[in-house]
PDB file of all heavy atoms in Angstrom:
ATOM      1  N   ARG A   1      59.496 -21.286  46.499  1.00  0.00           N
ATOM      2  CA  ARG A   1      60.118 -22.024  45.395  1.00  0.00           C
ATOM      3  C   ARG A   1      61.002 -23.146  45.918  1.00  0.00           C
ATOM      4  O   ARG A   1      61.931 -22.906  46.698  1.00  0.00           O
ATOM      5  CB  ARG A   1      60.936 -21.049  44.547  1.00  0.00           C
ATOM      6  CG  ARG A   1      61.618 -21.681  43.345  1.00  0.00           C
ATOM      7  CD  ARG A   1      62.179 -20.640  42.385  1.00  0.00           C
ATOM      8  NE  ARG A   1      63.001 -19.648  43.008  1.00  0.00           N
ATOM      9  CZ  ARG A   1      64.242 -19.323  42.624  1.00  0.00           C
ATOM     10  NH1 ARG A   1      64.794 -19.972  41.616  1.00  0.00           N
ATOM     11  NH2 ARG A   1      64.900 -18.382  43.224  1.00  0.00           N
ATOM     12  N   PRO A   2      60.772 -24.378  45.463  1.00  0.00           N
ATOM     13  CA  PRO A   2      61.598 -25.503  45.928  1.00  0.00           C
ATOM     14  C   PRO A   2      63.009 -25.433  45.355  1.00  0.00           C
ATOM     15  O   PRO A   2      63.271 -24.778  44.344  1.00  0.00           O
ATOM     16  CB  PRO A   2      60.856 -26.729  45.391  1.00  0.00           C
ATOM     17  CG  PRO A   2      59.500 -26.244  44.988  1.00  0.00           C
ATOM     18  CD  PRO A   2      59.684 -24.813  44.583  1.00  0.00           C
ATOM     19  N   ALA A   3      63.895 -26.142  45.996  1.00  0.00           N
ATOM     20  CA  ALA A   3      65.266 -26.235  45.501  1.00  0.00           C
ATOM     21  C   ALA A   3      65.286 -26.854  44.114  1.00  0.00           C
ATOM     22  O   ALA A   3      64.536 -27.791  43.815  1.00  0.00           O
ATOM     23  CB  ALA A   3      66.109 -27.075  46.459  1.00  0.00           C
ATOM     24  N   GLY A   4      66.138 -26.297  43.232  1.00  0.00           N
ATOM     25  CA  GLY A   4      66.321 -26.856  41.911  1.00  0.00           C
ATOM     26  C   GLY A   4      65.358 -26.350  40.862  1.00  0.00           C
ATOM     27  O   GLY A   4      65.520 -26.672  39.687  1.00  0.00           O
ATOM     28  N   TRP A   5      64.367 -25.572  41.259  1.00  0.00           N
ATOM     29  CA  TRP A   5      63.409 -25.028  40.291  1.00  0.00           C
ATOM     30  C   TRP A   5      63.858 -23.648  39.836  1.00  0.00           C
ATOM     31  O   TRP A   5      64.270 -22.809  40.648  1.00  0.00           O
ATOM     32  CB  TRP A   5      62.019 -24.904  40.910  1.00  0.00           C
ATOM     33  CG  TRP A   5      61.231 -26.171  40.932  1.00  0.00           C
ATOM     34  CD1 TRP A   5      61.381 -27.205  41.817  1.00  0.00           C
ATOM     35  CD2 TRP A   5      60.164 -26.543  40.051  1.00  0.00           C
ATOM     36  NE1 TRP A   5      60.478 -28.202  41.533  1.00  0.00           N
ATOM     37  CE2 TRP A   5      59.711 -27.824  40.466  1.00  0.00           C
ATOM     38  CE3 TRP A   5      59.548 -25.925  38.973  1.00  0.00           C
ATOM     39  CZ2 TRP A   5      58.670 -28.490  39.828  1.00  0.00           C
ATOM     40  CZ3 TRP A   5      58.500 -26.592  38.330  1.00  0.00           C
ATOM     41  CH2 TRP A   5      58.076 -27.854  38.749  1.00  0.00           C
ATOM     42  N   ALA A   6      63.751 -23.383  38.535  1.00  0.00           N
ATOM     43  CA  ALA A   6      63.944 -22.035  38.011  1.00  0.00           C
ATOM     44  C   ALA A   6      62.726 -21.199  38.386  1.00  0.00           C
ATOM     45  O   ALA A   6      61.591 -21.704  38.414  1.00  0.00           O
ATOM     46  CB  ALA A   6      64.123 -22.073  36.499  1.00  0.00           C
ATOM     47  N   GLY A   7      62.971 -19.924  38.655  1.00  0.00           N
ATOM     48  CA  GLY A   7      61.894 -19.064  39.129  1.00  0.00           C
ATOM     49  C   GLY A   7      60.697 -19.011  38.210  1.00  0.00           C
ATOM     50  O   GLY A   7      59.546 -19.159  38.644  1.00  0.00           O
ATOM     51  N   LYS A   8      60.922 -18.805  36.909  1.00  0.00           N
ATOM     52  CA  LYS A   8      59.797 -18.683  35.990  1.00  0.00           C
ATOM     53  C   LYS A   8      59.059 -20.002  35.830  1.00  0.00           C
ATOM     54  O   LYS A   8      57.815 -20.026  35.787  1.00  0.00           O
ATOM     55  CB  LYS A   8      60.264 -18.173  34.623  1.00  0.00           C
ATOM     56  CG  LYS A   8      59.106 -17.980  33.654  1.00  0.00           C
ATOM     57  CD  LYS A   8      59.557 -17.508  32.284  1.00  0.00           C
ATOM     58  CE  LYS A   8      58.386 -17.451  31.311  1.00  0.00           C
ATOM     59  NZ  LYS A   8      58.804 -17.071  29.940  1.00  0.00           N
ATOM     60  N   VAL A   9      59.789 -21.107  35.736  1.00  0.00           N
ATOM     61  CA  VAL A   9      59.123 -22.400  35.552  1.00  0.00           C
ATOM     62  C   VAL A   9      58.273 -22.734  36.775  1.00  0.00           C
ATOM     63  O   VAL A   9      57.173 -23.283  36.655  1.00  0.00           O
ATOM     64  CB  VAL A   9      60.148 -23.518  35.272  1.00  0.00           C
ATOM     65  CG1 VAL A   9      59.438 -24.848  35.046  1.00  0.00           C
ATOM     66  CG2 VAL A   9      60.997 -23.178  34.057  1.00  0.00           C
ATOM     67  N   TRP A  10      58.763 -22.381  37.975  1.00  0.00           N
ATOM     68  CA  TRP A  10      57.971 -22.611  39.170  1.00  0.00           C
ATOM     69  C   TRP A  10      56.687 -21.771  39.135  1.00  0.00           C
ATOM     70  O   TRP A  10      55.609 -22.266  39.464  1.00  0.00           O
ATOM     71  CB  TRP A  10      58.770 -22.287  40.423  1.00  0.00           C
ATOM     72  CG  TRP A  10      57.960 -22.405  41.688  1.00  0.00           C
ATOM     73  CD1 TRP A  10      57.619 -21.419  42.557  1.00  0.00           C
ATOM     74  CD2 TRP A  10      57.371 -23.609  42.213  1.00  0.00           C
ATOM     75  NE1 TRP A  10      56.857 -21.903  43.593  1.00  0.00           N
ATOM     76  CE2 TRP A  10      56.691 -23.257  43.405  1.00  0.00           C
ATOM     77  CE3 TRP A  10      57.346 -24.938  41.795  1.00  0.00           C
ATOM     78  CZ2 TRP A  10      56.007 -24.193  44.183  1.00  0.00           C
ATOM     79  CZ3 TRP A  10      56.655 -25.866  42.573  1.00  0.00           C
ATOM     80  CH2 TRP A  10      55.996 -25.484  43.749  1.00  0.00           C
ATOM     81  N   ALA A  11      56.791 -20.521  38.706  1.00  0.00           N
ATOM     82  CA  ALA A  11      55.603 -19.681  38.601  1.00  0.00           C
ATOM     83  C   ALA A  11      54.633 -20.249  37.563  1.00  0.00           C
ATOM     84  O   ALA A  11      53.409 -20.234  37.760  1.00  0.00           O
ATOM     85  CB  ALA A  11      56.003 -18.252  38.233  1.00  0.00           C
ATOM     86  N   MET A  12      55.157 -20.747  36.454  1.00  0.00           N
ATOM     87  CA  MET A  12      54.297 -21.399  35.449  1.00  0.00           C
ATOM     88  C   MET A  12      53.581 -22.601  36.058  1.00  0.00           C
ATOM     89  O   MET A  12      52.379 -22.816  35.837  1.00  0.00           O
ATOM     90  CB  MET A  12      55.135 -21.831  34.245  1.00  0.00           C
ATOM     91  CG  MET A  12      55.690 -20.681  33.411  1.00  0.00           C
ATOM     92  SD  MET A  12      57.035 -21.192  32.281  1.00  0.00           S
ATOM     93  CE  MET A  12      56.191 -22.385  31.229  1.00  0.00           C
ATOM     94  N   SER A  13      54.315 -23.377  36.843  1.00  0.00           N
ATOM     95  CA  SER A  13      53.736 -24.556  37.478  1.00  0.00           C
ATOM     96  C   SER A  13      52.635 -24.168  38.456  1.00  0.00           C
ATOM     97  O   SER A  13      51.594 -24.842  38.542  1.00  0.00           O
ATOM     98  CB  SER A  13      54.836 -25.342  38.196  1.00  0.00           C
ATOM     99  OG  SER A  13      54.315 -26.466  38.872  1.00  0.00           O
ATOM    100  N   GLU A  14      52.843 -23.090  39.185  1.00  0.00           N
ATOM    101  CA  GLU A  14      51.822 -22.607  40.108  1.00  0.00           C
ATOM    102  C   GLU A  14      50.567 -22.173  39.350  1.00  0.00           C
ATOM    103  O   GLU A  14      49.442 -22.362  39.814  1.00  0.00           O
ATOM    104  CB  GLU A  14      52.371 -21.447  40.937  1.00  0.00           C
ATOM    105  CG  GLU A  14      53.433 -21.851  41.934  1.00  0.00           C
ATOM    106  CD  GLU A  14      52.853 -22.656  43.092  1.00  0.00           C
ATOM    107  OE1 GLU A  14      52.720 -23.891  42.938  1.00  0.00           O
ATOM    108  OE2 GLU A  14      52.527 -22.061  44.128  1.00  0.00           O
ATOM    109  N   GLY A  15      50.773 -21.589  38.173  1.00  0.00           N
ATOM    110  CA  GLY A  15      49.635 -21.207  37.354  1.00  0.00           C
ATOM    111  C   GLY A  15      48.868 -22.410  36.842  1.00  0.00           C
ATOM    112  O   GLY A  15      47.630 -22.412  36.803  1.00  0.00           O
ATOM    113  N   VAL A  16      49.594 -23.446  36.443  1.00  0.00           N
ATOM    114  CA  VAL A  16      48.943 -24.676  35.972  1.00  0.00           C
ATOM    115  C   VAL A  16      48.154 -25.321  37.107  1.00  0.00           C
ATOM    116  O   VAL A  16      47.036 -25.827  36.904  1.00  0.00           O
ATOM    117  CB  VAL A  16      49.992 -25.656  35.408  1.00  0.00           C
ATOM    118  CG1 VAL A  16      49.372 -27.027  35.158  1.00  0.00           C
ATOM    119  CG2 VAL A  16      50.588 -25.112  34.127  1.00  0.00           C
ATOM    120  N   ARG A  17      48.714 -25.287  38.303  1.00  0.00           N
ATOM    121  CA  ARG A  17      48.013 -25.850  39.463  1.00  0.00           C
ATOM    122  C   ARG A  17      46.669 -25.155  39.675  1.00  0.00           C
ATOM    123  O   ARG A  17      45.646 -25.801  39.931  1.00  0.00           O
ATOM    124  CB  ARG A  17      48.891 -25.712  40.711  1.00  0.00           C
ATOM    125  CG  ARG A  17      48.305 -26.348  41.969  1.00  0.00           C
ATOM    126  CD  ARG A  17      49.321 -26.295  43.102  1.00  0.00           C
ATOM    127  NE  ARG A  17      49.560 -24.930  43.529  1.00  0.00           N
ATOM    128  CZ  ARG A  17      48.884 -24.318  44.521  1.00  0.00           C
ATOM    129  NH1 ARG A  17      47.910 -24.959  45.155  1.00  0.00           N
ATOM    130  NH2 ARG A  17      49.183 -23.086  44.853  1.00  0.00           N
ATOM    131  N   ALA A  18      46.665 -23.827  39.550  1.00  0.00           N
ATOM    132  CA  ALA A  18      45.413 -23.075  39.697  1.00  0.00           C
ATOM    133  C   ALA A  18      44.473 -23.335  38.516  1.00  0.00           C
ATOM    134  O   ALA A  18      43.256 -23.471  38.695  1.00  0.00           O
ATOM    135  CB  ALA A  18      45.714 -21.586  39.819  1.00  0.00           C
ATOM    136  N   ALA A  19      45.046 -23.417  37.306  1.00  0.00           N
ATOM    137  CA  ALA A  19      44.218 -23.633  36.112  1.00  0.00           C
ATOM    138  C   ALA A  19      43.576 -25.001  36.117  1.00  0.00           C
ATOM    139  O   ALA A  19      42.460 -25.180  35.606  1.00  0.00           O
ATOM    140  CB  ALA A  19      45.074 -23.468  34.853  1.00  0.00           C
ATOM    141  N   ASP A  20      44.247 -25.984  36.694  1.00  0.00           N
ATOM    142  CA  ASP A  20      43.758 -27.362  36.647  1.00  0.00           C
ATOM    143  C   ASP A  20      42.436 -27.561  37.370  1.00  0.00           C
ATOM    144  O   ASP A  20      41.769 -28.578  37.167  1.00  0.00           O
ATOM    145  CB  ASP A  20      44.808 -28.317  37.228  1.00  0.00           C
ATOM    146  CG  ASP A  20      45.798 -28.780  36.171  1.00  0.00           C
ATOM    147  OD1 ASP A  20      45.572 -28.484  34.986  1.00  0.00           O
ATOM    148  OD2 ASP A  20      46.787 -29.436  36.532  1.00  0.00           O
ATOM    149  N   ARG A  21      42.046 -26.601  38.182  1.00  0.00           N
ATOM    150  CA  ARG A  21      40.769 -26.745  38.873  1.00  0.00           C
ATOM    151  C   ARG A  21      39.598 -26.798  37.890  1.00  0.00           C
ATOM    152  O   ARG A  21      38.571 -27.400  38.156  1.00  0.00           O
ATOM    153  CB  ARG A  21      40.579 -25.598  39.871  1.00  0.00           C
ATOM    154  CG  ARG A  21      41.511 -25.674  41.075  1.00  0.00           C
ATOM    155  CD  ARG A  21      41.043 -24.762  42.192  1.00  0.00           C
ATOM    156  NE  ARG A  21      41.178 -23.359  41.844  1.00  0.00           N
ATOM    157  CZ  ARG A  21      42.251 -22.614  42.095  1.00  0.00           C
ATOM    158  NH1 ARG A  21      43.300 -23.167  42.707  1.00  0.00           N
ATOM    159  NH2 ARG A  21      42.297 -21.335  41.776  1.00  0.00           N
ATOM    160  N   SER A  22      39.784 -26.160  36.722  1.00  0.00           N
ATOM    161  CA  SER A  22      38.721 -26.189  35.704  1.00  0.00           C
ATOM    162  C   SER A  22      39.030 -27.153  34.567  1.00  0.00           C
ATOM    163  O   SER A  22      38.255 -27.256  33.616  1.00  0.00           O
ATOM    164  CB  SER A  22      38.500 -24.782  35.141  1.00  0.00           C
ATOM    165  OG  SER A  22      39.684 -24.312  34.494  1.00  0.00           O
ATOM    166  N   ARG A  23      40.176 -27.840  34.659  1.00  0.00           N
ATOM    167  CA  ARG A  23      40.579 -28.840  33.664  1.00  0.00           C
ATOM    168  C   ARG A  23      40.479 -28.323  32.235  1.00  0.00           C
ATOM    169  O   ARG A  23      39.792 -28.895  31.377  1.00  0.00           O
ATOM    170  CB  ARG A  23      39.736 -30.108  33.802  1.00  0.00           C
ATOM    171  CG  ARG A  23      39.724 -30.728  35.183  1.00  0.00           C
ATOM    172  CD  ARG A  23      41.086 -31.224  35.595  1.00  0.00           C
ATOM    173  NE  ARG A  23      41.494 -32.392  34.824  1.00  0.00           N
ATOM    174  CZ  ARG A  23      42.704 -32.975  34.920  1.00  0.00           C
ATOM    175  NH1 ARG A  23      43.620 -32.459  35.727  1.00  0.00           N
ATOM    176  NH2 ARG A  23      43.001 -34.032  34.198  1.00  0.00           N
ATOM    177  N   PRO A  24      41.146 -27.240  31.893  1.00  0.00           N
ATOM    178  CA  PRO A  24      41.074 -26.713  30.520  1.00  0.00           C
ATOM    179  C   PRO A  24      41.783 -27.647  29.549  1.00  0.00           C
ATOM    180  O   PRO A  24      42.715 -28.363  29.914  1.00  0.00           O
ATOM    181  CB  PRO A  24      41.803 -25.379  30.622  1.00  0.00           C
ATOM    182  CG  PRO A  24      42.816 -25.602  31.705  1.00  0.00           C
ATOM    183  CD  PRO A  24      42.100 -26.477  32.714  1.00  0.00           C
ATOM    184  N   GLU A  25      41.356 -27.625  28.301  1.00  0.00           N
ATOM    185  CA  GLU A  25      42.022 -28.434  27.291  1.00  0.00           C
ATOM    186  C   GLU A  25      43.351 -27.808  26.883  1.00  0.00           C
ATOM    187  O   GLU A  25      44.317 -28.513  26.577  1.00  0.00           O
ATOM    188  CB  GLU A  25      41.133 -28.581  26.052  1.00  0.00           C
ATOM    189  CG  GLU A  25      41.750 -29.438  24.957  1.00  0.00           C
ATOM    190  CD  GLU A  25      40.829 -29.630  23.767  1.00  0.00           C
ATOM    191  OE1 GLU A  25      39.599 -29.553  23.941  1.00  0.00           O
ATOM    192  OE2 GLU A  25      41.344 -29.855  22.654  1.00  0.00           O
ATOM    193  N   LEU A  26      43.405 -26.485  26.881  1.00  0.00           N
ATOM    194  CA  LEU A  26      44.583 -25.765  26.428  1.00  0.00           C
ATOM    195  C   LEU A  26      45.057 -24.773  27.494  1.00  0.00           C
ATOM    196  O   LEU A  26      44.239 -24.120  28.151  1.00  0.00           O
ATOM    197  CB  LEU A  26      44.273 -25.003  25.135  1.00  0.00           C
ATOM    198  CG  LEU A  26      43.898 -25.860  23.921  1.00  0.00           C
ATOM    199  CD1 LEU A  26      43.271 -24.991  22.837  1.00  0.00           C
ATOM    200  CD2 LEU A  26      45.128 -26.574  23.367  1.00  0.00           C
ATOM    201  N   VAL A  27      46.365 -24.673  27.628  1.00  0.00           N
ATOM    202  CA  VAL A  27      46.971 -23.691  28.525  1.00  0.00           C
ATOM    203  C   VAL A  27      47.851 -22.777  27.687  1.00  0.00           C
ATOM    204  O   VAL A  27      48.685 -23.248  26.902  1.00  0.00           O
ATOM    205  CB  VAL A  27      47.817 -24.361  29.624  1.00  0.00           C
ATOM    206  CG1 VAL A  27      48.501 -23.306  30.495  1.00  0.00           C
ATOM    207  CG2 VAL A  27      46.944 -25.264  30.492  1.00  0.00           C
ATOM    208  N   LEU A  28      47.654 -21.480  27.843  1.00  0.00           N
ATOM    209  CA  LEU A  28      48.466 -20.494  27.135  1.00  0.00           C
ATOM    210  C   LEU A  28      49.459 -19.894  28.117  1.00  0.00           C
ATOM    211  O   LEU A  28      49.093 -19.127  29.004  1.00  0.00           O
ATOM    212  CB  LEU A  28      47.581 -19.387  26.550  1.00  0.00           C
ATOM    213  CG  LEU A  28      48.313 -18.187  25.925  1.00  0.00           C
ATOM    214  CD1 LEU A  28      49.189 -18.623  24.751  1.00  0.00           C
ATOM    215  CD2 LEU A  28      47.323 -17.108  25.504  1.00  0.00           C
ATOM    216  N   PHE A  29      50.734 -20.272  27.987  1.00  0.00           N
ATOM    217  CA  PHE A  29      51.782 -19.670  28.797  1.00  0.00           C
ATOM    218  C   PHE A  29      52.208 -18.374  28.113  1.00  0.00           C
ATOM    219  O   PHE A  29      52.642 -18.393  26.948  1.00  0.00           O
ATOM    220  CB  PHE A  29      52.982 -20.610  28.924  1.00  0.00           C
ATOM    221  CG  PHE A  29      52.689 -21.876  29.684  1.00  0.00           C
ATOM    222  CD1 PHE A  29      52.625 -23.102  29.031  1.00  0.00           C
ATOM    223  CD2 PHE A  29      52.466 -21.847  31.050  1.00  0.00           C
ATOM    224  CE1 PHE A  29      52.356 -24.273  29.724  1.00  0.00           C
ATOM    225  CE2 PHE A  29      52.194 -23.018  31.759  1.00  0.00           C
ATOM    226  CZ  PHE A  29      52.137 -24.222  31.093  1.00  0.00           C
ATOM    227  N   THR A  30      52.083 -17.273  28.806  1.00  0.00           N
ATOM    228  CA  THR A  30      52.419 -15.993  28.194  1.00  0.00           C
ATOM    229  C   THR A  30      53.082 -15.088  29.213  1.00  0.00           C
ATOM    230  O   THR A  30      52.803 -15.165  30.414  1.00  0.00           O
ATOM    231  CB  THR A  30      51.158 -15.316  27.615  1.00  0.00           C
ATOM    232  OG1 THR A  30      51.527 -14.100  26.973  1.00  0.00           O
ATOM    233  CG2 THR A  30      50.124 -15.034  28.694  1.00  0.00           C
ATOM    234  N   ASP A  31      53.992 -14.241  28.762  1.00  0.00           N
ATOM    235  CA  ASP A  31      54.712 -13.343  29.657  1.00  0.00           C
ATOM    236  C   ASP A  31      53.896 -12.092  29.946  1.00  0.00           C
ATOM    237  O   ASP A  31      53.022 -11.693  29.163  1.00  0.00           O
ATOM    238  CB  ASP A  31      56.056 -12.953  29.042  1.00  0.00           C
ATOM    239  CG  ASP A  31      57.040 -14.108  29.037  1.00  0.00           C
ATOM    240  OD1 ASP A  31      56.781 -15.119  29.731  1.00  0.00           O
ATOM    241  OD2 ASP A  31      58.071 -14.007  28.342  1.00  0.00           O
ATOM    242  N   ALA A  32      54.229 -11.444  31.051  1.00  0.00           N
ATOM    243  CA  ALA A  32      53.484 -10.262  31.472  1.00  0.00           C
ATOM    244  C   ALA A  32      53.664  -9.084  30.528  1.00  0.00           C
ATOM    245  O   ALA A  32      52.839  -8.169  30.512  1.00  0.00           O
ATOM    246  CB  ALA A  32      53.907  -9.862  32.890  1.00  0.00           C
ATOM    247  N   ASP A  33      54.718  -9.085  29.742  1.00  0.00           N
ATOM    248  CA  ASP A  33      54.977  -7.952  28.842  1.00  0.00           C
ATOM    249  C   ASP A  33      54.366  -8.142  27.454  1.00  0.00           C
ATOM    250  O   ASP A  33      54.561  -7.305  26.574  1.00  0.00           O
ATOM    251  CB  ASP A  33      56.483  -7.723  28.689  1.00  0.00           C
ATOM    252  CG  ASP A  33      57.175  -8.885  27.999  1.00  0.00           C
ATOM    253  OD1 ASP A  33      57.123  -9.998  28.530  1.00  0.00           O
ATOM    254  OD2 ASP A  33      57.757  -8.684  26.916  1.00  0.00           O
ATOM    255  N   ILE A  34      53.600  -9.219  27.251  1.00  0.00           N
ATOM    256  CA  ILE A  34      53.059  -9.530  25.927  1.00  0.00           C
ATOM    257  C   ILE A  34      51.640  -8.990  25.779  1.00  0.00           C
ATOM    258  O   ILE A  34      50.761  -9.277  26.594  1.00  0.00           O
ATOM    259  CB  ILE A  34      53.061 -11.037  25.662  1.00  0.00           C
ATOM    260  CG1 ILE A  34      54.486 -11.596  25.769  1.00  0.00           C
ATOM    261  CG2 ILE A  34      52.476 -11.338  24.292  1.00  0.00           C
ATOM    262  CD1 ILE A  34      55.466 -11.008  24.772  1.00  0.00           C
ATOM    263  N   ALA A  35      51.412  -8.217  24.704  1.00  0.00           N
ATOM    264  CA  ALA A  35      50.084  -7.702  24.360  1.00  0.00           C
ATOM    265  C   ALA A  35      49.557  -8.471  23.155  1.00  0.00           C
ATOM    266  O   ALA A  35      50.291  -8.706  22.190  1.00  0.00           O
ATOM    267  CB  ALA A  35      50.155  -6.212  24.055  1.00  0.00           C
ATOM    268  N   TYR A  36      48.274  -8.843  23.213  1.00  0.00           N
ATOM    269  CA  TYR A  36      47.644  -9.636  22.160  1.00  0.00           C
ATOM    270  C   TYR A  36      46.641  -8.807  21.371  1.00  0.00           C
ATOM    271  O   TYR A  36      45.881  -8.022  21.947  1.00  0.00           O
ATOM    272  CB  TYR A  36      46.931 -10.847  22.762  1.00  0.00           C
ATOM    273  CG  TYR A  36      47.865 -11.917  23.274  1.00  0.00           C
ATOM    274  CD1 TYR A  36      48.450 -11.807  24.533  1.00  0.00           C
ATOM    275  CD2 TYR A  36      48.177 -13.027  22.503  1.00  0.00           C
ATOM    276  CE1 TYR A  36      49.318 -12.780  25.002  1.00  0.00           C
ATOM    277  CE2 TYR A  36      49.045 -14.008  22.954  1.00  0.00           C
ATOM    278  CZ  TYR A  36      49.617 -13.882  24.209  1.00  0.00           C
ATOM    279  OH  TYR A  36      50.482 -14.842  24.664  1.00  0.00           O
ATOM    280  N   GLY A  37      46.636  -9.005  20.049  1.00  0.00           N
ATOM    281  CA  GLY A  37      45.601  -8.413  19.221  1.00  0.00           C
ATOM    282  C   GLY A  37      44.247  -9.015  19.564  1.00  0.00           C
ATOM    283  O   GLY A  37      44.183 -10.092  20.173  1.00  0.00           O
ATOM    284  N   PRO A  38      43.148  -8.374  19.179  1.00  0.00           N
ATOM    285  CA  PRO A  38      41.805  -8.801  19.594  1.00  0.00           C
ATOM    286  C   PRO A  38      41.480 -10.269  19.348  1.00  0.00           C
ATOM    287  O   PRO A  38      40.873 -10.918  20.178  1.00  0.00           O
ATOM    288  CB  PRO A  38      40.883  -7.888  18.774  1.00  0.00           C
ATOM    289  CG  PRO A  38      41.698  -6.666  18.521  1.00  0.00           C
ATOM    290  CD  PRO A  38      43.102  -7.154  18.347  1.00  0.00           C
ATOM    291  N   GLY A  39      41.895 -10.837  18.219  1.00  0.00           N
ATOM    292  CA  GLY A  39      41.572 -12.232  17.924  1.00  0.00           C
ATOM    293  C   GLY A  39      42.760 -13.159  17.998  1.00  0.00           C
ATOM    294  O   GLY A  39      42.713 -14.271  17.449  1.00  0.00           O
ATOM    295  N   ALA A  40      43.808 -12.750  18.691  1.00  0.00           N
ATOM    296  CA  ALA A  40      45.047 -13.531  18.686  1.00  0.00           C
ATOM    297  C   ALA A  40      44.885 -14.900  19.335  1.00  0.00           C
ATOM    298  O   ALA A  40      45.389 -15.908  18.823  1.00  0.00           O
ATOM    299  CB  ALA A  40      46.163 -12.747  19.370  1.00  0.00           C
ATOM    300  N   VAL A  41      44.209 -14.966  20.473  1.00  0.00           N
ATOM    301  CA  VAL A  41      44.046 -16.257  21.154  1.00  0.00           C
ATOM    302  C   VAL A  41      43.218 -17.207  20.294  1.00  0.00           C
ATOM    303  O   VAL A  41      43.547 -18.387  20.154  1.00  0.00           O
ATOM    304  CB  VAL A  41      43.410 -16.065  22.540  1.00  0.00           C
ATOM    305  CG1 VAL A  41      43.054 -17.419  23.159  1.00  0.00           C
ATOM    306  CG2 VAL A  41      44.373 -15.314  23.464  1.00  0.00           C
ATOM    307  N   ALA A  42      42.147 -16.687  19.688  1.00  0.00           N
ATOM    308  CA  ALA A  42      41.348 -17.523  18.790  1.00  0.00           C
ATOM    309  C   ALA A  42      42.197 -18.023  17.620  1.00  0.00           C
ATOM    310  O   ALA A  42      42.060 -19.167  17.180  1.00  0.00           O
ATOM    311  CB  ALA A  42      40.143 -16.743  18.272  1.00  0.00           C
ATOM    312  N   GLY A  43      43.092 -17.181  17.115  1.00  0.00           N
ATOM    313  CA  GLY A  43      43.973 -17.591  16.024  1.00  0.00           C
ATOM    314  C   GLY A  43      44.911 -18.706  16.432  1.00  0.00           C
ATOM    315  O   GLY A  43      45.173 -19.634  15.648  1.00  0.00           O
ATOM    316  N   LEU A  44      45.416 -18.646  17.657  1.00  0.00           N
ATOM    317  CA  LEU A  44      46.282 -19.714  18.152  1.00  0.00           C
ATOM    318  C   LEU A  44      45.520 -21.030  18.239  1.00  0.00           C
ATOM    319  O   LEU A  44      46.029 -22.091  17.846  1.00  0.00           O
ATOM    320  CB  LEU A  44      46.833 -19.338  19.531  1.00  0.00           C
ATOM    321  CG  LEU A  44      47.811 -18.163  19.590  1.00  0.00           C
ATOM    322  CD1 LEU A  44      48.048 -17.760  21.042  1.00  0.00           C
ATOM    323  CD2 LEU A  44      49.138 -18.519  18.929  1.00  0.00           C
TER     324      LEU A  44
END
């Protein structure tokens, strides 16, 4: 983690870096403790 970065935001940024390899139109930032109903992502 670089100086001046908050831990969670840096982890989010690392996730975006990995996600960008497929150039998705949408990124869903979600916490590890969050459970989704079967069609929740489609609803979003």
